[in-house]
Amino acid sequence: MNIKKIGLSALAGSLVAFSANAAEMSVAGSASVGVKNTSNTTGKAWTMGNQLTFSGSGETDGGLNISLSFVIDQGDDTAIGSGPFDSHSVSIGSDAMGTLVFSGEGGSSAQTAIDGTAAGDIWDNGLGISSPKASEAGNNSMLYTLPSLMDDLTLKASYSPSGAEKPNSAIAYSVSYAGIEGLSVDYATGESNTVGSEADTTTMKASYAINSFTVAVSNTEHDLSSGNDDEVTSYKVSYTVSDDLSISYGHETHETAGSTVDEEVEAITVSYTTGGMTISAAQIEAEGVDHSATTTGDAERWKLSASFAF
């Protein structure tokens, strides 16, 4: 309780200082519209997404950089009529002290901040594939990025307090290195303490870019208290045809000790960008959905979408 009071007092003081020395305010956003068709459903579905980000930044007399962010986000693949949700955060930092981010909602842990799967949002396909578990993050969390100890090395630590559905607090750590041209390597470990899905999680990820090709691989292991440990292996190959056109192929496998059937999903995506607009098409195939050995565990989907950034 005392820690919360101290944190709130410090945050309030920072907001006052920021208000008095505000330097910049900005608004950015995006909108998308699309159509998708899934083999195990009837008819096609139109989707819409939109996001608005309000941000401000300034500097105190003591040299601290303070920024605020408030996001209204409906998502990129949401059925028409679904309501938006928001996330908001305050960050305080300097070259000497590093950066501390207080997230009131929608925060990241040190582990989720590195994007735990190489194939990115391939799981966000609506086919029923189980989303990979990650270390605890979300409301009322703190993420600290240490000051630079050496070029291209980034160290992070996060803390998520206990709550109604989280009997224990959770801590996560990550290290990222990008000191070799074209190569980036990430390692993270953390905890998930949500009732019913307590787990220790470890993620390793690497990507390498050469000329127009980028290859990324990742592996995440979850040691669950229930004993049904699982593992997610992912890879993605991307090719930049031109400044406007790109093609990618991604594949992920989800293994669990609770089943002999693995979930697998793969996708081919083509994206074309012109100005602030991106047009994309994707073909997605999944096998073993919900670890089912029958044909009901197989599904396909195609999706066309156009997004606009401003």
Protein backbone atom coordinates (compact mmCIF):
# COMPACT_ATOMS: atom_id res chain seq x y z
CA MET A 1 0.00 0.00 0.00
CA ASN A 2 2.86 2.39 0.87
CA ILE A 3 4.53 1.62 -2.44
CA LYS A 4 1.32 2.48 -4.29
CA LYS A 5 1.00 5.77 -2.39
CA ILE A 6 4.59 6.72 -3.16
CA GLY A 7 4.13 5.82 -6.82
CA LEU A 8 0.93 7.83 -7.12
CA SER A 9 2.49 10.82 -5.38
CA ALA A 10 5.51 10.72 -7.67
CA LEU A 11 3.29 10.35 -10.71
CA ALA A 12 1.09 13.26 -9.65
CA GLY A 13 4.14 15.44 -9.10
CA SER A 14 5.47 14.48 -12.53
CA LEU A 15 2.16 15.37 -14.16
CA VAL A 16 2.17 18.79 -12.54
CA ALA A 17 5.73 19.41 -13.70
CA PHE A 18 4.84 18.20 -17.17
CA SER A 19 1.80 20.44 -17.32
CA ALA A 20 3.86 23.46 -16.46
CA ASN A 21 6.57 22.74 -19.01
CA ALA A 22 4.60 21.09 -21.82
CA ALA A 23 6.42 21.43 -25.12
CA GLU A 24 4.64 19.26 -27.66
CA MET A 25 1.26 17.64 -28.16
CA SER A 26 0.30 15.42 -31.08
CA VAL A 27 -2.47 13.19 -32.38
CA ALA A 28 -1.91 10.25 -34.70
CA GLY A 29 -4.17 7.48 -35.85
CA SER A 30 -5.08 4.77 -38.28
CA ALA A 31 -8.18 3.16 -39.75
CA SER A 32 -8.74 -0.09 -41.60
CA VAL A 33 -11.48 -1.91 -43.44
CA GLY A 34 -11.44 -5.45 -44.74
CA VAL A 35 -13.28 -8.60 -45.71
CA LYS A 36 -12.49 -12.17 -44.68
CA ASN A 37 -13.80 -15.63 -45.36
CA THR A 38 -13.26 -18.71 -43.20
CA SER A 39 -13.77 -22.29 -44.34
CA ASN A 40 -15.65 -23.41 -41.22
CA THR A 41 -18.14 -20.51 -41.19
CA THR A 42 -20.91 -19.38 -43.53
CA GLY A 43 -20.56 -16.20 -45.57
CA LYS A 44 -18.01 -13.42 -45.53
CA ALA A 45 -17.45 -10.92 -42.73
CA TRP A 46 -16.60 -7.25 -43.02
CA THR A 47 -14.21 -5.91 -40.43
CA MET A 48 -13.18 -2.44 -39.36
CA GLY A 49 -10.50 -1.12 -37.06
CA ASN A 50 -9.44 2.30 -35.87
CA GLN A 51 -6.97 3.80 -33.48
CA LEU A 52 -6.27 7.26 -32.13
CA THR A 53 -3.16 8.08 -30.14
CA PHE A 54 -2.90 11.29 -28.13
CA SER A 55 0.61 12.03 -26.90
CA GLY A 56 2.52 14.81 -25.24
CA SER A 57 6.12 15.30 -24.23
CA GLY A 58 8.20 17.84 -22.39
CA GLU A 59 11.30 18.32 -20.29
CA THR A 60 11.63 19.42 -16.67
CA ASP A 61 14.13 22.00 -15.48
CA GLY A 62 16.16 19.12 -14.08
CA GLY A 63 16.50 17.49 -17.49
CA LEU A 64 13.93 14.71 -17.13
CA ASN A 65 11.99 13.83 -20.24
CA ILE A 66 8.31 13.18 -19.53
CA SER A 67 5.79 11.86 -22.02
CA LEU A 68 2.17 10.80 -21.85
CA SER A 69 0.21 8.56 -24.20
CA PHE A 70 -3.49 7.76 -24.40
CA VAL A 71 -4.73 5.30 -27.00
CA ILE A 72 -8.25 4.56 -28.17
CA ASP A 73 -7.98 1.33 -30.12
CA GLN A 74 -10.66 -0.87 -31.63
CA GLY A 75 -8.16 -3.27 -33.19
CA ASP A 76 -7.37 -4.16 -36.79
CA ASP A 77 -9.68 -7.11 -37.29
CA THR A 78 -12.77 -6.34 -35.22
CA ALA A 79 -16.35 -7.05 -36.16
CA ILE A 80 -18.37 -3.94 -36.98
CA GLY A 81 -20.19 -2.71 -33.90
CA SER A 82 -17.59 -3.83 -31.37
CA GLY A 83 -16.62 -1.21 -28.80
CA PRO A 84 -13.15 0.31 -28.44
CA PHE A 85 -10.81 -0.02 -25.51
CA ASP A 86 -8.07 2.31 -24.38
CA SER A 87 -4.58 2.19 -22.94
CA HIS A 88 -2.61 4.95 -21.29
CA SER A 89 0.86 5.45 -19.88
CA VAL A 90 3.32 7.97 -18.48
CA SER A 91 7.06 7.67 -19.03
CA ILE A 92 9.87 9.44 -17.20
CA GLY A 93 13.49 9.19 -18.20
CA SER A 94 16.88 10.55 -19.13
CA ASP A 95 20.11 9.25 -20.63
CA ALA A 96 21.57 8.86 -17.15
CA MET A 97 18.63 7.15 -15.39
CA GLY A 98 17.03 5.19 -18.21
CA THR A 99 13.26 5.21 -18.81
CA LEU A 100 10.46 4.18 -16.46
CA VAL A 101 6.99 3.63 -17.93
CA PHE A 102 3.88 3.54 -15.72
CA SER A 103 1.00 1.86 -17.58
CA GLY A 104 -2.48 2.39 -16.21
CA GLU A 105 -3.87 -0.03 -18.78
CA GLY A 106 -2.51 -1.95 -21.75
CA GLY A 107 1.09 -2.07 -20.54
CA SER A 108 3.86 -4.44 -21.61
CA SER A 109 6.15 -6.59 -19.52
CA ALA A 110 9.86 -6.80 -20.29
CA GLN A 111 9.05 -10.03 -22.09
CA THR A 112 6.00 -9.05 -24.13
CA ALA A 113 7.79 -5.85 -25.16
CA ILE A 114 10.10 -7.85 -27.45
CA ASP A 115 7.19 -9.50 -29.35
CA GLY A 116 7.56 -13.12 -28.32
CA THR A 117 6.83 -14.76 -31.69
CA ALA A 118 8.86 -14.37 -34.86
CA ALA A 119 5.76 -14.65 -37.06
CA GLY A 120 4.19 -11.61 -35.43
CA ASP A 121 0.38 -11.51 -35.50
CA ILE A 122 -0.06 -14.81 -37.34
CA TRP A 123 -2.01 -16.10 -34.34
CA ASP A 124 -4.46 -13.20 -34.64
CA ASN A 125 -6.47 -15.04 -37.28
CA GLY A 126 -9.79 -15.92 -35.63
CA LEU A 127 -9.41 -19.63 -36.46
CA GLY A 128 -9.50 -20.76 -32.84
CA ILE A 129 -5.76 -21.24 -32.43
CA SER A 130 -4.66 -20.88 -28.81
CA SER A 131 -2.76 -17.66 -28.25
CA PRO A 132 0.71 -18.24 -26.79
CA LYS A 133 0.91 -17.41 -23.09
CA ALA A 134 3.25 -14.66 -21.97
CA SER A 135 4.55 -13.13 -18.78
CA GLU A 136 2.16 -10.97 -16.83
CA ALA A 137 1.49 -7.46 -18.09
CA GLY A 138 -1.40 -5.09 -18.37
CA ASN A 139 -3.04 -2.71 -15.92
CA ASN A 140 -0.99 -0.82 -13.34
CA SER A 141 2.35 -2.21 -14.47
CA MET A 142 5.84 -0.69 -14.58
CA LEU A 143 8.49 -1.22 -17.25
CA TYR A 144 12.05 0.03 -16.73
CA THR A 145 14.64 0.31 -19.50
CA LEU A 146 18.11 0.65 -18.05
CA PRO A 147 20.47 3.38 -19.27
CA SER A 148 22.77 2.30 -22.07
CA LEU A 149 25.68 0.24 -20.78
CA MET A 150 27.11 -0.36 -24.25
CA ASP A 151 26.09 0.36 -27.83
CA ASP A 152 23.16 -1.71 -29.15
CA LEU A 153 22.54 -3.47 -25.81
CA THR A 154 19.12 -3.00 -24.16
CA LEU A 155 18.17 -4.30 -20.71
CA LYS A 156 14.62 -4.16 -19.36
CA ALA A 157 12.78 -5.17 -16.19
CA SER A 158 9.08 -5.03 -15.39
CA TYR A 159 6.79 -5.39 -12.39
CA SER A 160 3.09 -6.20 -12.33
CA PRO A 161 1.44 -6.00 -8.88
CA SER A 162 -0.95 -8.54 -7.44
CA GLY A 163 -4.69 -8.09 -7.81
CA ALA A 164 -8.08 -9.79 -7.55
CA GLU A 165 -7.20 -12.50 -10.10
CA LYS A 166 -3.45 -12.34 -9.48
CA PRO A 167 -2.59 -13.46 -5.93
CA ASN A 168 1.09 -12.71 -6.46
CA SER A 169 3.05 -9.97 -8.18
CA ALA A 170 5.03 -10.81 -11.33
CA ILE A 171 8.50 -9.80 -12.50
CA ALA A 172 10.08 -10.12 -15.96
CA TYR A 173 13.51 -9.37 -17.45
CA SER A 174 14.84 -9.10 -20.99
CA VAL A 175 18.08 -8.45 -22.83
CA SER A 176 18.35 -7.43 -26.49
CA TYR A 177 21.45 -7.00 -28.63
CA ALA A 178 21.74 -5.58 -32.14
CA GLY A 179 25.46 -4.87 -32.38
CA ILE A 180 26.09 -6.98 -35.49
CA GLU A 181 24.87 -5.53 -38.77
CA GLY A 182 21.57 -7.08 -39.77
CA LEU A 183 21.34 -9.30 -36.66
CA SER A 184 19.22 -8.81 -33.54
CA VAL A 185 18.94 -11.25 -30.62
CA ASP A 186 16.49 -11.20 -27.70
CA TYR A 187 16.16 -13.23 -24.51
CA ALA A 188 13.46 -12.79 -21.87
CA THR A 189 12.08 -14.56 -18.85
CA GLY A 190 9.04 -13.78 -16.75
CA GLU A 191 6.06 -14.95 -14.74
CA SER A 192 2.31 -15.24 -15.21
CA ASN A 193 0.40 -15.30 -11.94
CA THR A 194 -3.20 -15.18 -13.13
CA VAL A 195 -5.29 -17.71 -11.20
CA GLY A 196 -5.57 -20.94 -13.15
CA SER A 197 -2.70 -20.20 -15.55
CA GLU A 198 0.33 -19.61 -13.34
CA ALA A 199 3.52 -20.15 -15.35
CA ASP A 200 7.20 -19.37 -15.73
CA THR A 201 7.95 -18.26 -19.29
CA THR A 202 11.17 -18.08 -21.31
CA THR A 203 11.48 -16.55 -24.78
CA MET A 204 14.39 -16.57 -27.25
CA LYS A 205 14.23 -14.76 -30.56
CA ALA A 206 16.64 -13.86 -33.37
CA SER A 207 16.29 -12.10 -36.71
CA TYR A 208 18.73 -11.47 -39.52
CA ALA A 209 18.34 -9.11 -42.47
CA ILE A 210 20.49 -9.28 -45.59
CA ASN A 211 19.73 -7.34 -48.74
CA SER A 212 15.98 -7.73 -49.35
CA PHE A 213 15.48 -10.79 -47.13
CA THR A 214 14.71 -10.95 -43.42
CA VAL A 215 14.55 -14.24 -41.50
CA ALA A 216 13.28 -14.46 -37.91
CA VAL A 217 12.95 -17.44 -35.54
CA SER A 218 11.68 -17.69 -31.98
CA ASN A 219 10.96 -20.20 -29.25
CA THR A 220 8.86 -19.69 -26.12
CA GLU A 221 8.50 -22.25 -23.33
CA HIS A 222 5.86 -22.11 -20.59
CA ASP A 223 6.25 -24.13 -17.39
CA LEU A 224 2.70 -24.18 -16.04
CA SER A 225 1.80 -24.98 -12.45
CA SER A 226 -0.87 -27.35 -13.82
CA GLY A 227 1.84 -29.49 -15.38
CA ASN A 228 0.53 -29.00 -18.94
CA ASP A 229 3.71 -27.27 -20.11
CA ASP A 230 3.67 -25.93 -23.64
CA GLU A 231 6.06 -24.62 -26.27
CA VAL A 232 5.63 -22.28 -29.23
CA THR A 233 8.12 -22.37 -32.13
CA SER A 234 7.85 -19.76 -34.85
CA TYR A 235 9.67 -18.57 -37.94
CA LYS A 236 9.07 -16.01 -40.67
CA VAL A 237 10.72 -15.15 -43.99
CA SER A 238 10.09 -11.73 -45.53
CA TYR A 239 11.15 -10.39 -48.92
CA THR A 240 11.05 -6.72 -49.85
CA VAL A 241 10.31 -6.57 -53.57
CA SER A 242 10.47 -2.76 -53.66
CA ASP A 243 9.94 0.21 -51.37
CA ASP A 244 6.20 -0.34 -51.78
CA LEU A 245 5.76 -4.12 -52.09
CA SER A 246 6.64 -6.94 -49.66
CA ILE A 247 5.87 -10.66 -49.32
CA SER A 248 6.15 -12.83 -46.21
CA TYR A 249 5.61 -16.41 -45.10
CA GLY A 250 5.18 -17.34 -41.44
CA HIS A 251 4.71 -20.62 -39.57
CA GLU A 252 4.05 -21.45 -35.93
CA THR A 253 3.68 -24.67 -33.98
CA HIS A 254 2.07 -24.90 -30.54
CA GLU A 255 2.88 -28.05 -28.55
CA THR A 256 1.36 -28.89 -25.17
CA ALA A 257 1.93 -31.71 -22.71
CA GLY A 258 -1.84 -32.07 -22.44
CA SER A 259 -2.23 -33.35 -26.02
CA THR A 260 -0.40 -35.44 -28.61
CA VAL A 261 -1.78 -33.19 -31.39
CA ASP A 262 0.07 -29.96 -32.18
CA GLU A 263 -1.61 -26.78 -33.34
CA GLU A 264 -0.02 -25.42 -36.51
CA VAL A 265 -0.75 -22.28 -38.45
CA GLU A 266 0.91 -20.81 -41.54
CA ALA A 267 0.25 -17.69 -43.57
CA ILE A 268 1.36 -16.00 -46.76
CA THR A 269 0.92 -12.23 -46.81
CA VAL A 270 1.40 -9.67 -49.58
CA SER A 271 1.42 -5.96 -48.70
CA TYR A 272 1.51 -2.89 -50.92
CA THR A 273 2.03 0.60 -49.49
CA THR A 274 1.41 3.87 -51.23
CA GLY A 275 1.68 7.01 -49.16
CA GLY A 276 -0.29 6.51 -45.95
CA MET A 277 -2.31 3.58 -47.29
CA THR A 278 -1.43 -0.12 -47.11
CA ILE A 279 -3.33 -2.82 -49.00
CA SER A 280 -2.72 -6.40 -47.89
CA ALA A 281 -3.92 -9.90 -48.74
CA ALA A 282 -3.37 -13.01 -46.64
CA GLN A 283 -4.02 -16.72 -46.98
CA ILE A 284 -4.01 -18.54 -43.63
CA GLU A 285 -4.21 -22.29 -42.97
CA ALA A 286 -4.47 -24.01 -39.58
CA GLU A 287 -4.28 -27.64 -38.49
CA GLY A 288 -5.02 -29.20 -35.13
CA VAL A 289 -7.07 -26.22 -33.91
CA ASP A 290 -7.67 -26.64 -30.19
CA HIS A 291 -5.36 -29.70 -30.49
CA SER A 292 -8.09 -31.65 -32.28
CA ALA A 293 -7.05 -34.74 -34.27
CA THR A 294 -10.21 -34.67 -36.43
CA THR A 295 -10.89 -32.64 -39.56
CA THR A 296 -12.81 -30.14 -37.42
CA GLY A 297 -9.39 -28.99 -36.27
CA ASP A 298 -8.49 -27.84 -39.79
CA ALA A 299 -9.45 -24.41 -41.13
CA GLU A 300 -8.53 -21.93 -43.86
CA ARG A 301 -9.06 -18.22 -44.18
CA TRP A 302 -8.35 -15.52 -46.73
CA LYS A 303 -8.41 -11.85 -45.82
CA LEU A 304 -8.20 -8.59 -47.78
CA SER A 305 -7.74 -5.28 -46.03
CA ALA A 306 -6.84 -1.65 -46.54
CA SER A 307 -5.43 0.52 -43.77
CA PHE A 308 -4.79 4.25 -43.59
CA ALA A 309 -2.37 6.07 -41.31
CA PHE A 310 -2.42 9.75 -40.45
